[in-house]
Amino acid sequence: MRHYEVMIILDPTVDERTVPKSLENFLKVIRSGGGSVERVDVWGRRRLAYEINKQHEGIYAVLDVNSEPDVVAELDRQLTLNESVLRTKVLRRETTRATKAAAKSTAPATAKAPAKPAAKPASAKPAAKSTVKA
């Protein structure tokens, strides 16, 4: 299973009280595909950076899910087909630093200590003086 973050911008004409119910319909796709929903965060009505479908505002929602890629592709397809959804963005979350550090600590330590820098070579001969008679 992979970790995904899904950003959804809904049409502002939708009543904000019905947003969780409409999101639940989309989350059924993830759950029926064997995935899990970690977090649903509804940000509410926000001004858009640019106009989308003649709308200046949108209702933002962020979903954190664990699922297989084909199930997330189906979720994205259903979101695209829904008329109340202005825009979607699906991102695959990267592992956190804590997870990477835990993976490193369990891996065997095979790295050697850094070598000392080499000493500077001494000059073979000092520079000769110029003796020019005028």
N, C-alpha and C. Protein backbone atom coordinates (compact mmCIF):
# COMPACT_ATOMS: atom_id res chain seq x y z
N MET A 1 0.84 -1.18 0.00
CA MET A 1 0.00 0.00 0.00
C MET A 1 0.88 1.24 0.00
N ARG A 2 0.41 2.25 -0.67
CA ARG A 2 1.13 3.51 -0.75
C ARG A 2 0.34 4.61 -0.06
N HIS A 3 1.05 5.64 0.35
CA HIS A 3 0.42 6.78 1.01
C HIS A 3 0.13 7.85 -0.04
N TYR A 4 -1.09 8.38 -0.03
CA TYR A 4 -1.48 9.43 -0.96
C TYR A 4 -2.13 10.58 -0.21
N GLU A 5 -1.99 11.76 -0.80
CA GLU A 5 -2.69 12.94 -0.31
C GLU A 5 -3.53 13.46 -1.47
N VAL A 6 -4.82 13.59 -1.26
CA VAL A 6 -5.74 14.02 -2.31
C VAL A 6 -6.32 15.37 -1.91
N MET A 7 -6.11 16.38 -2.76
CA MET A 7 -6.68 17.71 -2.55
C MET A 7 -7.88 17.85 -3.48
N ILE A 8 -9.00 18.24 -2.91
CA ILE A 8 -10.23 18.39 -3.68
C ILE A 8 -10.75 19.80 -3.48
N ILE A 9 -11.11 20.46 -4.58
CA ILE A 9 -11.77 21.77 -4.52
C ILE A 9 -13.19 21.58 -5.04
N LEU A 10 -14.15 21.80 -4.16
CA LEU A 10 -15.55 21.62 -4.52
C LEU A 10 -16.18 22.95 -4.92
N ASP A 11 -17.25 22.86 -5.67
CA ASP A 11 -18.02 24.03 -6.10
C ASP A 11 -18.55 24.77 -4.87
N PRO A 12 -18.40 26.10 -4.82
CA PRO A 12 -18.85 26.85 -3.64
C PRO A 12 -20.37 26.90 -3.48
N THR A 13 -21.12 26.53 -4.50
CA THR A 13 -22.58 26.52 -4.37
C THR A 13 -23.07 25.34 -3.54
N VAL A 14 -22.19 24.36 -3.29
CA VAL A 14 -22.54 23.22 -2.45
C VAL A 14 -22.61 23.70 -1.00
N ASP A 15 -23.61 23.25 -0.28
CA ASP A 15 -23.74 23.62 1.14
C ASP A 15 -22.60 22.97 1.92
N GLU A 16 -21.91 23.76 2.74
CA GLU A 16 -20.74 23.26 3.48
C GLU A 16 -21.10 22.15 4.46
N ARG A 17 -22.34 22.11 4.90
CA ARG A 17 -22.75 21.06 5.83
C ARG A 17 -22.86 19.70 5.14
N THR A 18 -23.03 19.70 3.82
CA THR A 18 -23.16 18.44 3.09
C THR A 18 -21.83 17.94 2.54
N VAL A 19 -20.77 18.70 2.73
CA VAL A 19 -19.45 18.32 2.20
C VAL A 19 -18.97 16.99 2.78
N PRO A 20 -19.00 16.78 4.11
CA PRO A 20 -18.54 15.48 4.63
C PRO A 20 -19.32 14.29 4.08
N LYS A 21 -20.62 14.48 3.86
CA LYS A 21 -21.44 13.39 3.31
C LYS A 21 -21.04 13.08 1.88
N SER A 22 -20.78 14.12 1.09
CA SER A 22 -20.38 13.89 -0.30
C SER A 22 -18.98 13.29 -0.38
N LEU A 23 -18.10 13.69 0.55
CA LEU A 23 -16.75 13.10 0.57
C LEU A 23 -16.82 11.63 0.97
N GLU A 24 -17.77 11.29 1.82
CA GLU A 24 -17.91 9.90 2.26
C GLU A 24 -18.21 8.98 1.08
N ASN A 25 -18.96 9.48 0.09
CA ASN A 25 -19.24 8.69 -1.11
C ASN A 25 -17.95 8.37 -1.86
N PHE A 26 -17.02 9.33 -1.91
CA PHE A 26 -15.75 9.10 -2.59
C PHE A 26 -14.85 8.17 -1.77
N LEU A 27 -14.92 8.28 -0.45
CA LEU A 27 -14.07 7.45 0.40
C LEU A 27 -14.49 5.99 0.37
N LYS A 28 -15.73 5.72 -0.03
CA LYS A 28 -16.18 4.33 -0.17
C LYS A 28 -15.35 3.60 -1.23
N VAL A 29 -14.88 4.33 -2.23
CA VAL A 29 -14.05 3.73 -3.28
C VAL A 29 -12.75 3.20 -2.67
N ILE A 30 -12.14 4.00 -1.80
CA ILE A 30 -10.89 3.61 -1.16
C ILE A 30 -11.12 2.41 -0.24
N ARG A 31 -12.16 2.48 0.56
CA ARG A 31 -12.42 1.40 1.53
C ARG A 31 -12.80 0.10 0.84
N SER A 32 -13.58 0.19 -0.25
CA SER A 32 -13.98 -1.03 -0.96
C SER A 32 -12.79 -1.66 -1.68
N GLY A 33 -11.77 -0.87 -2.00
CA GLY A 33 -10.57 -1.40 -2.65
C GLY A 33 -9.54 -1.91 -1.67
N GLY A 34 -9.88 -1.97 -0.38
CA GLY A 34 -8.95 -2.49 0.61
C GLY A 34 -8.04 -1.44 1.22
N GLY A 35 -8.25 -0.18 0.91
CA GLY A 35 -7.43 0.89 1.46
C GLY A 35 -7.99 1.42 2.76
N SER A 36 -7.27 2.36 3.33
CA SER A 36 -7.73 2.97 4.57
C SER A 36 -7.60 4.49 4.47
N VAL A 37 -8.44 5.18 5.21
CA VAL A 37 -8.43 6.64 5.23
C VAL A 37 -7.82 7.08 6.55
N GLU A 38 -6.69 7.78 6.49
CA GLU A 38 -6.02 8.24 7.70
C GLU A 38 -6.66 9.51 8.25
N ARG A 39 -6.95 10.46 7.34
CA ARG A 39 -7.42 11.76 7.80
C ARG A 39 -8.27 12.41 6.72
N VAL A 40 -9.33 13.07 7.13
CA VAL A 40 -10.15 13.90 6.25
C VAL A 40 -10.16 15.29 6.87
N ASP A 41 -9.64 16.27 6.15
CA ASP A 41 -9.52 17.62 6.67
C ASP A 41 -10.26 18.57 5.72
N VAL A 42 -11.38 19.11 6.16
CA VAL A 42 -12.15 20.06 5.36
C VAL A 42 -11.72 21.46 5.76
N TRP A 43 -11.09 22.18 4.83
CA TRP A 43 -10.58 23.52 5.11
C TRP A 43 -11.68 24.57 5.03
N GLY A 44 -12.74 24.27 4.31
CA GLY A 44 -13.82 25.24 4.17
C GLY A 44 -13.67 26.09 2.92
N ARG A 45 -14.42 27.17 2.89
CA ARG A 45 -14.47 28.05 1.71
C ARG A 45 -13.22 28.94 1.67
N ARG A 46 -12.54 28.92 0.53
CA ARG A 46 -11.33 29.73 0.32
C ARG A 46 -11.40 30.40 -1.04
N ARG A 47 -10.71 31.51 -1.14
CA ARG A 47 -10.62 32.22 -2.42
C ARG A 47 -9.62 31.49 -3.31
N LEU A 48 -9.97 31.32 -4.58
CA LEU A 48 -9.09 30.65 -5.53
C LEU A 48 -8.03 31.62 -6.04
N ALA A 49 -6.88 31.09 -6.41
CA ALA A 49 -5.80 31.92 -6.94
C ALA A 49 -6.18 32.44 -8.33
N TYR A 50 -6.96 31.67 -9.06
CA TYR A 50 -7.44 32.10 -10.36
C TYR A 50 -8.83 31.49 -10.57
N GLU A 51 -9.56 32.04 -11.50
CA GLU A 51 -10.94 31.63 -11.75
C GLU A 51 -10.99 30.24 -12.38
N ILE A 52 -11.85 29.38 -11.84
CA ILE A 52 -12.08 28.05 -12.39
C ILE A 52 -13.58 27.91 -12.64
N ASN A 53 -13.96 27.66 -13.88
CA ASN A 53 -15.37 27.52 -14.26
C ASN A 53 -16.21 28.70 -13.78
N LYS A 54 -15.68 29.89 -13.94
CA LYS A 54 -16.33 31.14 -13.56
C LYS A 54 -16.61 31.23 -12.06
N GLN A 55 -15.82 30.55 -11.27
CA GLN A 55 -15.94 30.58 -9.81
C GLN A 55 -14.69 31.24 -9.23
N HIS A 56 -14.88 32.07 -8.22
CA HIS A 56 -13.76 32.74 -7.56
C HIS A 56 -13.42 32.11 -6.21
N GLU A 57 -14.30 31.25 -5.71
CA GLU A 57 -14.10 30.58 -4.43
C GLU A 57 -14.33 29.09 -4.60
N GLY A 58 -13.84 28.33 -3.64
CA GLY A 58 -14.04 26.89 -3.64
C GLY A 58 -13.99 26.36 -2.23
N ILE A 59 -14.53 25.18 -2.03
CA ILE A 59 -14.48 24.52 -0.72
C ILE A 59 -13.37 23.47 -0.80
N TYR A 60 -12.35 23.65 0.02
CA TYR A 60 -11.18 22.79 -0.02
C TYR A 60 -11.33 21.63 0.96
N ALA A 61 -10.85 20.46 0.54
CA ALA A 61 -10.78 19.29 1.41
C ALA A 61 -9.51 18.52 1.07
N VAL A 62 -8.86 18.00 2.12
CA VAL A 62 -7.63 17.22 1.95
C VAL A 62 -7.85 15.85 2.57
N LEU A 63 -7.51 14.81 1.81
CA LEU A 63 -7.66 13.43 2.28
C LEU A 63 -6.29 12.77 2.32
N ASP A 64 -5.98 12.09 3.42
CA ASP A 64 -4.78 11.26 3.51
C ASP A 64 -5.24 9.82 3.49
N VAL A 65 -4.79 9.06 2.49
CA VAL A 65 -5.25 7.69 2.34
C VAL A 65 -4.07 6.75 2.11
N ASN A 66 -4.27 5.49 2.47
CA ASN A 66 -3.35 4.40 2.15
C ASN A 66 -4.10 3.47 1.23
N SER A 67 -3.55 3.26 0.03
CA SER A 67 -4.25 2.43 -0.92
C SER A 67 -3.31 1.98 -2.03
N GLU A 68 -3.83 1.09 -2.85
CA GLU A 68 -3.10 0.65 -4.04
C GLU A 68 -3.29 1.68 -5.15
N PRO A 69 -2.34 1.78 -6.08
CA PRO A 69 -2.42 2.80 -7.13
C PRO A 69 -3.66 2.71 -8.02
N ASP A 70 -4.11 1.50 -8.34
CA ASP A 70 -5.28 1.39 -9.21
C ASP A 70 -6.56 1.88 -8.53
N VAL A 71 -6.65 1.72 -7.22
CA VAL A 71 -7.83 2.20 -6.48
C VAL A 71 -7.83 3.73 -6.44
N VAL A 72 -6.65 4.33 -6.27
CA VAL A 72 -6.56 5.80 -6.26
C VAL A 72 -6.85 6.36 -7.65
N ALA A 73 -6.45 5.64 -8.69
CA ALA A 73 -6.77 6.07 -10.05
C ALA A 73 -8.28 6.07 -10.27
N GLU A 74 -8.97 5.07 -9.73
CA GLU A 74 -10.43 5.02 -9.83
C GLU A 74 -11.08 6.16 -9.06
N LEU A 75 -10.54 6.48 -7.88
CA LEU A 75 -11.04 7.61 -7.10
C LEU A 75 -10.88 8.90 -7.90
N ASP A 76 -9.73 9.10 -8.50
CA ASP A 76 -9.48 10.30 -9.29
C ASP A 76 -10.43 10.38 -10.48
N ARG A 77 -10.71 9.25 -11.10
CA ARG A 77 -11.65 9.21 -12.24
C ARG A 77 -13.04 9.63 -11.79
N GLN A 78 -13.49 9.11 -10.65
CA GLN A 78 -14.82 9.45 -10.16
C GLN A 78 -14.91 10.91 -9.73
N LEU A 79 -13.84 11.43 -9.15
CA LEU A 79 -13.83 12.85 -8.79
C LEU A 79 -13.91 13.73 -10.03
N THR A 80 -13.22 13.33 -11.08
CA THR A 80 -13.23 14.11 -12.32
C THR A 80 -14.62 14.12 -12.96
N LEU A 81 -15.34 13.02 -12.84
CA LEU A 81 -16.67 12.93 -13.45
C LEU A 81 -17.74 13.68 -12.66
N ASN A 82 -17.49 13.95 -11.40
CA ASN A 82 -18.48 14.62 -10.56
C ASN A 82 -18.51 16.11 -10.89
N GLU A 83 -19.71 16.64 -11.10
CA GLU A 83 -19.85 18.04 -11.50
C GLU A 83 -19.62 19.02 -10.36
N SER A 84 -19.74 18.58 -9.12
CA SER A 84 -19.53 19.50 -7.99
C SER A 84 -18.05 19.66 -7.64
N VAL A 85 -17.18 18.90 -8.30
CA VAL A 85 -15.74 18.99 -8.05
C VAL A 85 -15.11 19.90 -9.10
N LEU A 86 -14.50 21.00 -8.64
CA LEU A 86 -13.85 21.92 -9.58
C LEU A 86 -12.47 21.42 -9.99
N ARG A 87 -11.69 20.94 -9.02
CA ARG A 87 -10.31 20.55 -9.30
C ARG A 87 -9.87 19.49 -8.30
N THR A 88 -8.99 18.58 -8.74
CA THR A 88 -8.40 17.59 -7.84
C THR A 88 -6.90 17.51 -8.08
N LYS A 89 -6.20 17.09 -7.07
CA LYS A 89 -4.76 16.85 -7.19
C LYS A 89 -4.43 15.65 -6.30
N VAL A 90 -3.84 14.63 -6.88
CA VAL A 90 -3.45 13.44 -6.14
C VAL A 90 -1.94 13.40 -6.09
N LEU A 91 -1.40 13.36 -4.87
CA LEU A 91 0.05 13.32 -4.68
C LEU A 91 0.42 12.08 -3.89
N ARG A 92 1.52 11.47 -4.28
CA ARG A 92 2.03 10.35 -3.49
C ARG A 92 2.94 10.92 -2.42
N ARG A 93 2.58 10.67 -1.16
CA ARG A 93 3.35 11.22 -0.05
C ARG A 93 4.68 10.51 0.05
N GLU A 94 5.74 11.28 0.31
CA GLU A 94 7.05 10.70 0.52
C GLU A 94 7.17 10.26 1.97
N THR A 95 8.08 9.34 2.22
CA THR A 95 8.29 8.91 3.59
C THR A 95 8.93 10.03 4.38
N THR A 96 8.61 10.11 5.63
CA THR A 96 9.12 11.19 6.47
C THR A 96 10.56 10.91 6.89
N ARG A 97 11.21 11.91 7.41
CA ARG A 97 12.59 11.76 7.86
C ARG A 97 12.68 10.75 9.00
N ALA A 98 11.69 10.75 9.87
CA ALA A 98 11.71 9.81 10.99
C ALA A 98 11.65 8.37 10.49
N THR A 99 10.86 8.13 9.45
CA THR A 99 10.77 6.79 8.89
C THR A 99 12.09 6.40 8.24
N LYS A 100 12.70 7.34 7.52
CA LYS A 100 13.99 7.05 6.90
C LYS A 100 15.05 6.79 7.94
N ALA A 101 15.05 7.56 9.03
CA ALA A 101 16.03 7.37 10.09
C ALA A 101 15.85 6.02 10.77
N ALA A 102 14.61 5.61 10.95
CA ALA A 102 14.34 4.31 11.56
C ALA A 102 14.82 3.18 10.64
N ALA A 103 14.66 3.37 9.33
CA ALA A 103 15.12 2.36 8.38
C ALA A 103 16.64 2.28 8.39
N LYS A 104 17.31 3.42 8.52
CA LYS A 104 18.78 3.42 8.57
C LYS A 104 19.29 2.75 9.83
N SER A 105 18.63 2.98 10.95
CA SER A 105 19.11 2.42 12.21
C SER A 105 18.97 0.90 12.24
N THR A 106 18.01 0.34 11.51
CA THR A 106 17.85 -1.11 11.47
C THR A 106 18.76 -1.75 10.44
N ALA A 107 19.26 -0.98 9.48
CA ALA A 107 20.17 -1.51 8.46
C ALA A 107 21.54 -1.73 9.08
N PRO A 108 22.29 -2.75 8.62
CA PRO A 108 23.63 -2.98 9.17
C PRO A 108 24.57 -1.85 8.79
N ALA A 109 25.42 -1.49 9.73
CA ALA A 109 26.36 -0.39 9.52
C ALA A 109 27.59 -0.93 8.80
N THR A 110 27.72 -0.66 7.50
CA THR A 110 28.86 -1.13 6.72
C THR A 110 29.73 0.01 6.26
N ALA A 111 29.36 1.21 6.57
CA ALA A 111 30.12 2.37 6.11
C ALA A 111 31.39 2.51 6.96
N LYS A 112 32.48 2.86 6.29
CA LYS A 112 33.75 3.05 6.98
C LYS A 112 33.86 4.49 7.43
N ALA A 113 34.75 4.71 8.39
CA ALA A 113 35.02 6.08 8.85
C ALA A 113 35.71 6.83 7.73
N PRO A 114 35.48 8.13 7.60
CA PRO A 114 36.12 8.89 6.53
C PRO A 114 37.63 8.90 6.70
N ALA A 115 38.35 8.81 5.58
CA ALA A 115 39.81 8.79 5.60
C ALA A 115 40.34 10.18 5.87
N LYS A 116 41.56 10.24 6.43
CA LYS A 116 42.18 11.52 6.71
C LYS A 116 42.64 12.13 5.39
N PRO A 117 42.59 13.45 5.26
CA PRO A 117 43.05 14.07 4.01
C PRO A 117 44.56 13.88 3.87
N ALA A 118 45.01 13.73 2.64
CA ALA A 118 46.43 13.53 2.36
C ALA A 118 47.21 14.80 2.67
N ALA A 119 48.45 14.62 3.14
CA ALA A 119 49.30 15.77 3.45
C ALA A 119 49.78 16.41 2.15
N LYS A 120 50.08 17.71 2.20
CA LYS A 120 50.55 18.41 1.01
C LYS A 120 51.97 17.97 0.70
N PRO A 121 52.28 17.69 -0.56
CA PRO A 121 53.66 17.30 -0.90
C PRO A 121 54.60 18.49 -0.78
N ALA A 122 55.81 18.23 -0.27
CA ALA A 122 56.81 19.29 -0.12
C ALA A 122 57.41 19.61 -1.48
N SER A 123 57.82 20.87 -1.69
CA SER A 123 58.42 21.27 -2.96
C SER A 123 59.77 20.59 -3.10
N ALA A 124 60.11 20.20 -4.32
CA ALA A 124 61.38 19.51 -4.56
C ALA A 124 62.56 20.47 -4.36
N LYS A 125 62.51 21.64 -4.97
CA LYS A 125 63.60 22.61 -4.86
C LYS A 125 63.02 23.98 -4.60
N PRO A 126 63.70 24.79 -3.80
CA PRO A 126 63.23 26.16 -3.64
C PRO A 126 63.50 26.95 -4.91
N ALA A 127 62.77 28.01 -5.12
CA ALA A 127 62.93 28.84 -6.32
C ALA A 127 64.32 29.47 -6.33
N ALA A 128 65.00 29.46 -7.50
CA ALA A 128 66.35 30.02 -7.64
C ALA A 128 66.27 31.53 -7.81
N LYS A 129 67.32 32.24 -7.31
CA LYS A 129 67.36 33.68 -7.46
C LYS A 129 67.87 34.03 -8.84
N SER A 130 67.35 35.08 -9.36
CA SER A 130 67.77 35.54 -10.67
C SER A 130 68.98 36.46 -10.51
N THR A 131 70.06 36.16 -11.23
CA THR A 131 71.26 37.02 -11.19
C THR A 131 71.52 37.56 -12.58
N VAL A 132 71.04 38.72 -12.84
CA VAL A 132 71.21 39.36 -14.14
C VAL A 132 72.12 40.55 -13.95
N LYS A 133 73.19 40.64 -14.81
CA LYS A 133 74.11 41.76 -14.74
C LYS A 133 73.68 42.80 -15.75
N ALA A 134 73.76 43.98 -15.35
CA ALA A 134 73.37 45.04 -16.24
C ALA A 134 74.54 45.80 -16.76
